[in-house]
């Protein structure tokens, strides 16, 4: 069968590629056309556009690129009509994908949504559109299934795909990791995860780097992504005494004593590696004010949302200062009681998320529905 998959960022590319691998096990004649990234392409997807050319975040940024976004939507609709897939699989990326869901449904295509938009946080009216245009929601956070069922949406909780990634990753070798990246054997590591989009990195990394000199006994390592130009990182780093490594985020977390993390999927990944973390977020002020008015949840990090309490410290907007980051890092590194409580909460988090197998289960639900 023919599958058309749309993912709009690095985490979506990862999870969509794993989903494709599982679909191929069930459907030996599967062919894929996609909006996504390198990992999806490696699984055999014919890429229409790479996510590095389609990812915009924040109200101001979206408004500034609105004509490009409309052009991409028009291109996608035309491409869908020409490809005529048996299934349209949408991966997060709601501003784009919900428009495509409506179009695809109207054209009679089967529509599946894997990794829900955060409609439980804001724009709940979108649930009505989802119920009307999506044949099956495949959600990855345990509270999402109950949320959608209240609205009569056809939904299944498939588990969290990050658990699949961790299961594949294994234990690793610290000495090899340190030598490969020219890191010191004796100094503990503080990981900096500034995000996967250029806008995030530009906004977050400079603030994170201002705490480096306050922890001279530690080595700071930035988790870079190859989808961004290395020169972007180097320009922001300047003369700061830090290391930059690319596409080794899990190995970095496996060897880190603490982490400073931009809000997003990485907050959950960090927790699943049992690394004490402080969560950071800063947006354009206009975007932030709009979001504050619209968003209806108490927390921004996935860790706190799943646990429904403050497990990790969130430093948002004006609270995101070098002083506050440093103060929380001190607690994470040197306060034994804080560390013990955090690690206990992380274990509860893992229990709530359940077992690995999300990609396999999601593929099974899609294939069953098509058959």
Protein backbone atom coordinates (compact mmCIF):
# COMPACT_ATOMS: atom_id res chain seq x y z
CA UNK A 1 0.00 0.00 0.00
CA UNK A 2 0.95 3.64 -0.40
CA UNK A 3 1.63 5.76 2.66
CA UNK A 4 1.97 9.56 2.79
CA UNK A 5 3.64 10.76 6.01
CA UNK A 6 4.11 14.34 7.23
CA UNK A 7 6.55 15.22 10.04
CA UNK A 8 7.74 18.76 10.67
CA UNK A 9 10.76 18.52 12.99
CA UNK A 10 13.62 16.31 14.19
CA UNK A 11 11.64 14.32 16.78
CA UNK A 12 8.86 13.72 14.26
CA UNK A 13 11.42 12.49 11.72
CA UNK A 14 12.76 10.02 14.31
CA UNK A 15 9.38 8.64 15.34
CA UNK A 16 8.02 8.53 11.79
CA UNK A 17 11.11 6.61 10.61
CA UNK A 18 10.59 4.00 13.33
CA UNK A 19 6.90 3.77 12.42
CA UNK A 20 7.87 3.20 8.77
CA UNK A 21 10.19 0.37 9.78
CA UNK A 22 7.33 -1.35 11.61
CA UNK A 23 4.86 -0.77 8.75
CA UNK A 24 7.29 -2.46 6.36
CA UNK A 25 7.28 -5.56 8.58
CA UNK A 26 3.50 -5.81 8.19
CA UNK A 27 3.21 -4.60 4.59
CA UNK A 28 6.03 -5.90 2.39
CA UNK A 29 4.81 -3.80 -0.55
CA UNK A 30 4.65 -0.53 1.37
CA UNK A 31 5.83 2.61 -0.44
CA UNK A 32 6.29 5.98 1.24
CA UNK A 33 6.17 9.59 0.17
CA UNK A 34 6.85 12.12 2.89
CA UNK A 35 7.58 15.52 4.32
CA UNK A 36 10.27 14.84 6.91
CA UNK A 37 13.98 14.33 7.30
CA UNK A 38 17.05 12.18 6.82
CA UNK A 39 15.87 9.29 8.99
CA UNK A 40 12.64 8.90 7.04
CA UNK A 41 14.60 9.06 3.82
CA UNK A 42 16.88 6.24 5.05
CA UNK A 43 13.76 4.13 5.62
CA UNK A 44 12.84 4.56 1.96
CA UNK A 45 10.63 7.64 1.93
CA UNK A 46 10.65 9.79 -1.19
CA UNK A 47 10.97 13.26 0.37
CA UNK A 48 8.87 16.12 -0.93
CA UNK A 49 10.48 18.64 1.46
CA UNK A 50 12.93 18.43 4.34
CA UNK A 51 11.68 19.69 7.71
CA UNK A 52 14.57 22.17 7.94
CA UNK A 53 12.69 24.18 5.27
CA UNK A 54 9.27 23.96 6.92
CA UNK A 55 9.79 24.30 10.72
CA UNK A 56 8.64 27.61 12.18
CA UNK A 57 7.93 28.19 15.87
CA UNK A 58 6.16 31.01 17.71
CA UNK A 59 3.36 33.30 16.59
CA UNK A 60 5.66 36.03 15.28
CA UNK A 61 7.82 33.59 13.30
CA UNK A 62 4.77 31.90 11.79
CA UNK A 63 3.28 35.26 10.82
CA UNK A 64 6.56 36.37 9.21
CA UNK A 65 6.68 33.20 7.10
CA UNK A 66 2.94 32.89 6.46
CA UNK A 67 3.21 33.08 2.66
CA UNK A 68 5.80 30.29 2.62
CA UNK A 69 3.59 28.16 4.86
CA UNK A 70 0.56 28.69 2.62
CA UNK A 71 2.70 27.77 -0.38
CA UNK A 72 3.80 24.56 1.32
CA UNK A 73 0.21 23.66 2.19
CA UNK A 74 -0.86 24.19 -1.42
CA UNK A 75 2.07 22.07 -2.64
CA UNK A 76 1.20 19.30 -0.20
CA UNK A 77 -2.45 19.21 -1.27
CA UNK A 78 -1.49 19.00 -4.93
CA UNK A 79 1.05 16.28 -4.20
CA UNK A 80 -1.49 14.25 -2.20
CA UNK A 81 -3.99 14.33 -5.04
CA UNK A 82 -1.36 13.14 -7.48
CA UNK A 83 0.04 10.40 -5.21
CA UNK A 84 -3.38 9.06 -4.08
CA UNK A 85 -2.18 7.26 -0.93
CA UNK A 86 -4.01 4.51 0.89
CA UNK A 87 -3.14 6.21 4.19
CA UNK A 88 -2.17 9.72 5.25
CA UNK A 89 -0.17 9.62 8.48
CA UNK A 90 0.28 12.93 10.29
CA UNK A 91 2.99 13.26 12.95
CA UNK A 92 2.46 16.14 15.43
CA UNK A 93 3.12 19.50 13.57
CA UNK A 94 -0.50 20.69 14.09
CA UNK A 95 -0.55 24.09 12.34
CA UNK A 96 0.23 22.35 9.06
CA UNK A 97 -1.13 18.87 9.61
CA UNK A 98 -4.63 19.79 10.77
CA UNK A 99 -5.15 21.69 7.52
CA UNK A 100 -3.97 18.67 5.59
CA UNK A 101 -6.21 16.37 7.65
CA UNK A 102 -9.24 18.36 6.59
CA UNK A 103 -8.23 18.28 2.93
CA UNK A 104 -7.28 14.58 2.94
CA UNK A 105 -10.56 13.60 4.64
CA UNK A 106 -12.57 15.60 2.10
CA UNK A 107 -10.76 13.74 -0.70
CA UNK A 108 -11.62 10.38 0.83
CA UNK A 109 -8.16 9.38 2.09
CA UNK A 110 -7.78 7.45 5.36
CA UNK A 111 -6.24 9.82 7.92
CA UNK A 112 -4.20 8.70 10.94
CA UNK A 113 -2.66 11.06 13.49
CA UNK A 114 0.40 9.72 15.33
CA UNK A 115 1.64 11.90 18.22
CA UNK A 116 -1.17 14.25 19.10
CA UNK A 117 -1.13 18.02 18.84
CA UNK A 118 -1.27 19.52 22.32
CA UNK A 119 -4.95 20.38 22.04
CA UNK A 120 -5.36 19.57 25.73
CA UNK A 121 -3.13 22.59 26.43
CA UNK A 122 -4.69 25.14 24.12
CA UNK A 123 -7.08 25.51 21.18
CA UNK A 124 -9.36 22.73 22.45
CA UNK A 125 -11.80 23.60 19.71
CA UNK A 126 -9.41 21.72 17.43
CA UNK A 127 -10.74 18.49 18.94
CA UNK A 128 -13.92 18.94 16.92
CA UNK A 129 -11.90 19.15 13.71
CA UNK A 130 -9.89 16.07 14.72
CA UNK A 131 -13.06 14.09 15.42
CA UNK A 132 -14.46 15.12 12.05
CA UNK A 133 -11.37 14.59 9.88
CA UNK A 134 -9.11 11.97 11.53
CA UNK A 135 -10.01 8.28 11.30
CA UNK A 136 -7.73 7.26 14.18
CA UNK A 137 -5.70 9.10 16.82
CA UNK A 138 -2.61 7.23 18.04
CA UNK A 139 -1.43 9.02 21.18
CA UNK A 140 1.82 8.69 23.15
CA UNK A 141 1.01 10.28 26.53
CA UNK A 142 -1.20 8.30 28.93
CA UNK A 143 -3.57 11.15 29.81
CA UNK A 144 -4.28 11.90 26.13
CA UNK A 145 -6.39 8.77 25.59
CA UNK A 146 -8.83 9.74 28.35
CA UNK A 147 -8.93 13.32 27.08
CA UNK A 148 -9.91 12.31 23.54
CA UNK A 149 -12.41 9.69 24.65
CA UNK A 150 -14.34 12.42 26.47
CA UNK A 151 -14.90 14.04 23.08
CA UNK A 152 -15.85 10.80 21.30
CA UNK A 153 -12.67 10.60 19.21
CA UNK A 154 -11.47 7.20 17.96
CA UNK A 155 -8.22 6.98 19.97
CA UNK A 156 -5.66 4.43 21.18
CA UNK A 157 -2.73 4.98 23.54
CA UNK A 158 0.17 3.11 21.91
CA UNK A 159 2.84 3.92 24.49
CA UNK A 160 5.71 6.37 24.16
CA UNK A 161 8.16 5.87 21.26
CA UNK A 162 11.04 7.29 23.29
CA UNK A 163 10.96 4.05 25.25
CA UNK A 164 11.61 2.21 21.99
CA UNK A 165 14.66 4.38 21.35
CA UNK A 166 16.04 3.77 24.82
CA UNK A 167 15.47 0.03 24.51
CA UNK A 168 17.54 0.02 21.29
CA UNK A 169 20.24 2.26 22.67
CA UNK A 170 21.81 -0.03 25.26
CA UNK A 171 24.36 0.83 27.94
CA UNK A 172 27.23 2.29 25.91
CA UNK A 173 30.87 2.76 26.94
CA UNK A 174 31.80 5.95 28.79
CA UNK A 175 35.54 5.80 28.04
CA UNK A 176 34.97 5.39 24.30
CA UNK A 177 32.48 8.28 24.29
CA UNK A 178 34.87 10.56 26.16
CA UNK A 179 37.88 9.71 23.98
CA UNK A 180 35.94 10.04 20.73
CA UNK A 181 34.87 13.57 21.67
CA UNK A 182 38.13 14.65 23.35
CA UNK A 183 36.41 15.01 26.72
CA UNK A 184 38.21 14.77 30.06
CA UNK A 185 38.02 11.53 32.00
CA UNK A 186 37.99 13.16 35.44
CA UNK A 187 35.52 16.04 35.12
CA UNK A 188 31.79 15.41 35.31
CA UNK A 189 29.61 16.58 32.42
CA UNK A 190 26.82 19.14 32.35
CA UNK A 191 24.84 18.74 29.12
CA UNK A 192 23.33 21.70 27.29
CA UNK A 193 20.35 20.85 25.04
CA UNK A 194 19.36 24.10 23.30
CA UNK A 195 16.83 22.57 20.88
CA UNK A 196 16.71 21.34 17.30
CA UNK A 197 15.44 24.44 15.50
CA UNK A 198 17.68 27.37 14.59
CA UNK A 199 15.30 29.84 16.28
CA UNK A 200 15.45 27.88 19.53
CA UNK A 201 19.21 27.57 19.48
CA UNK A 202 19.71 31.28 18.77
CA UNK A 203 17.41 32.23 21.64
CA UNK A 204 18.48 29.66 24.23
CA UNK A 205 22.14 28.79 23.84
CA UNK A 206 23.53 32.23 24.66
CA UNK A 207 21.72 32.26 28.00
CA UNK A 208 22.82 28.71 28.82
CA UNK A 209 26.46 29.53 28.09
CA UNK A 210 26.47 32.33 30.68
CA UNK A 211 26.56 29.77 33.51
CA UNK A 212 29.69 27.96 32.28
CA UNK A 213 32.23 30.02 34.23
CA UNK A 214 30.31 29.42 37.47
CA UNK A 215 31.08 25.68 37.36
CA UNK A 216 34.81 25.43 36.65
CA UNK A 217 35.04 21.86 37.94
CA UNK A 218 32.62 20.58 35.27
CA UNK A 219 32.86 20.30 31.49
CA UNK A 220 29.90 21.65 29.52
CA UNK A 221 28.90 19.78 26.38
CA UNK A 222 26.37 21.06 23.82
CA UNK A 223 24.11 18.52 22.12
CA UNK A 224 24.17 19.70 18.51
CA UNK A 225 22.10 18.40 15.62
CA UNK A 226 23.47 17.91 12.12
CA UNK A 227 20.36 19.45 10.53
CA UNK A 228 21.68 22.85 11.70
CA UNK A 229 24.82 24.49 10.35
CA UNK A 230 27.81 23.96 12.65
CA UNK A 231 28.72 27.61 12.11
CA UNK A 232 25.51 28.62 13.88
CA UNK A 233 26.75 26.92 17.05
CA UNK A 234 30.31 28.22 16.68
CA UNK A 235 29.13 31.79 16.27
CA UNK A 236 27.06 31.57 19.44
CA UNK A 237 29.79 29.75 21.39
CA UNK A 238 32.47 32.31 20.60
CA UNK A 239 35.28 31.89 23.14
CA UNK A 240 33.23 29.98 25.72
CA UNK A 241 34.99 26.95 27.18
CA UNK A 242 32.54 24.31 26.00
CA UNK A 243 32.46 21.25 23.75
CA UNK A 244 30.11 20.76 20.82
CA UNK A 245 29.12 17.27 19.67
CA UNK A 246 26.55 16.42 17.02
CA UNK A 247 24.01 13.60 16.81
CA UNK A 248 25.12 11.98 20.09
CA UNK A 249 22.44 13.31 22.41
CA UNK A 250 21.61 9.96 24.01
CA UNK A 251 25.27 9.11 24.61
CA UNK A 252 25.75 12.56 26.10
CA UNK A 253 22.79 12.14 28.45
CA UNK A 254 24.02 8.69 29.41
CA UNK A 255 27.23 10.28 30.67
CA UNK A 256 25.92 13.58 32.10
CA UNK A 257 25.55 14.50 35.77
CA UNK A 258 23.00 17.23 35.03
CA UNK A 259 21.41 18.97 32.03
CA UNK A 260 20.03 22.33 30.99
CA UNK A 261 17.25 21.56 28.52
CA UNK A 262 15.04 23.58 26.20
CA UNK A 263 11.39 22.62 26.67
CA UNK A 264 10.24 19.94 24.26
CA UNK A 265 10.72 16.22 23.70
CA UNK A 266 14.24 16.48 25.12
CA UNK A 267 12.88 17.10 28.62
CA UNK A 268 11.30 13.64 28.59
CA UNK A 269 14.37 12.02 27.02
CA UNK A 270 16.56 13.53 29.75
CA UNK A 271 14.27 12.20 32.48
CA UNK A 272 14.21 8.71 30.95
CA UNK A 273 18.01 8.69 31.22
CA UNK A 274 17.57 9.66 34.89
CA UNK A 275 19.57 12.88 34.44
CA UNK A 276 18.69 15.75 36.80
CA UNK A 277 17.57 18.67 34.65
CA UNK A 278 16.40 22.25 34.64
CA UNK A 279 13.92 23.10 31.87
CA UNK A 280 14.24 26.39 29.98
CA UNK A 281 11.99 28.26 27.61
CA UNK A 282 12.04 31.72 26.12
CA UNK A 283 10.03 33.05 23.19
CA UNK A 284 9.56 36.31 21.39
CA UNK A 285 7.69 38.46 23.96
CA UNK A 286 4.66 38.94 21.75
CA UNK A 287 4.45 35.20 21.10
CA UNK A 288 4.85 34.53 24.82
CA UNK A 289 2.03 36.90 25.81
CA UNK A 290 -0.33 35.29 23.29
CA UNK A 291 0.64 31.81 24.46
CA UNK A 292 0.20 32.74 28.12
CA UNK A 293 -3.31 33.96 27.33
CA UNK A 294 -4.23 30.85 25.35
CA UNK A 295 -2.50 27.96 27.12
CA UNK A 296 -4.55 26.21 29.80
CA UNK A 297 -2.02 23.90 31.50
CA UNK A 298 0.09 24.37 34.62
CA UNK A 299 3.38 23.20 33.12
CA UNK A 300 5.30 23.29 29.85
CA UNK A 301 7.61 20.30 30.23
CA UNK A 302 6.40 16.81 29.33
CA UNK A 303 7.85 15.43 32.56
CA UNK A 304 5.68 17.67 34.72
CA UNK A 305 2.64 17.27 32.48
CA UNK A 306 2.70 13.48 32.68
CA UNK A 307 3.32 13.54 36.44
CA UNK A 308 0.83 16.39 37.01
CA UNK A 309 3.19 18.09 39.45
CA UNK A 310 6.47 20.01 39.40
CA UNK A 311 9.13 17.33 39.21
CA UNK A 312 11.66 19.45 37.29
CA UNK A 313 12.18 23.18 37.64
CA UNK A 314 10.81 25.25 34.75
CA UNK A 315 12.45 28.60 34.02
CA UNK A 316 10.21 30.48 31.61
CA UNK A 317 10.70 33.86 29.95
CA UNK A 318 11.80 36.47 32.54
CA UNK A 319 12.64 33.70 35.04
CA UNK A 320 15.15 32.30 32.56
CA UNK A 321 18.33 34.01 33.77
CA UNK A 322 21.90 32.76 34.27
CA UNK A 323 21.47 33.27 38.04
CA UNK A 324 18.38 31.06 38.17
CA UNK A 325 19.90 28.36 35.97
CA UNK A 326 23.04 28.31 38.14
CA UNK A 327 21.02 28.16 41.36
CA UNK A 328 19.03 25.15 40.14
CA UNK A 329 22.15 23.41 38.84
CA UNK A 330 23.69 23.78 42.30
CA UNK A 331 20.67 21.99 43.76
CA UNK A 332 20.75 19.24 41.14
CA UNK A 333 24.46 18.61 41.58
CA UNK A 334 24.96 19.03 45.33
CA UNK A 335 21.66 18.62 47.19
CA UNK A 336 21.33 14.92 48.00
CA UNK A 337 17.70 15.16 49.13
CA UNK A 338 16.71 16.97 45.92
CA UNK A 339 18.53 14.36 43.82
CA UNK A 340 16.87 11.42 45.59
CA UNK A 341 13.37 12.89 45.23
CA UNK A 342 13.95 13.66 41.57
CA UNK A 343 15.15 10.14 40.79
CA UNK A 344 12.14 8.63 42.63
CA UNK A 345 9.81 10.81 40.53
CA UNK A 346 11.63 9.73 37.38
CA UNK A 347 10.95 6.09 38.24
CA UNK A 348 7.24 6.88 38.72
CA UNK A 349 7.29 8.62 35.35
CA UNK A 350 8.70 5.52 33.64
CA UNK A 351 5.98 3.38 35.25
CA UNK A 352 3.27 5.71 33.96
CA UNK A 353 4.61 5.61 30.41
CA UNK A 354 4.59 1.80 30.36
CA UNK A 355 6.64 -0.50 28.14
CA UNK A 356 8.36 -0.10 24.78
CA UNK A 357 6.58 -1.03 21.55
CA UNK A 358 4.80 2.19 20.52
CA UNK A 359 5.98 2.10 16.90
CA UNK A 360 4.97 -1.54 16.47
CA UNK A 361 1.57 -0.97 18.06
CA UNK A 362 0.90 2.17 16.00
CA UNK A 363 1.85 0.36 12.78
CA UNK A 364 -0.47 -2.49 13.74
CA UNK A 365 -3.39 -0.13 14.33
CA UNK A 366 -2.86 1.56 10.96
CA UNK A 367 -2.47 -1.68 9.02
CA UNK A 368 -5.50 -3.24 10.72
CA UNK A 369 -7.63 -0.23 9.85
CA UNK A 370 -6.53 -0.33 6.22
CA UNK A 371 -7.15 -4.07 5.88
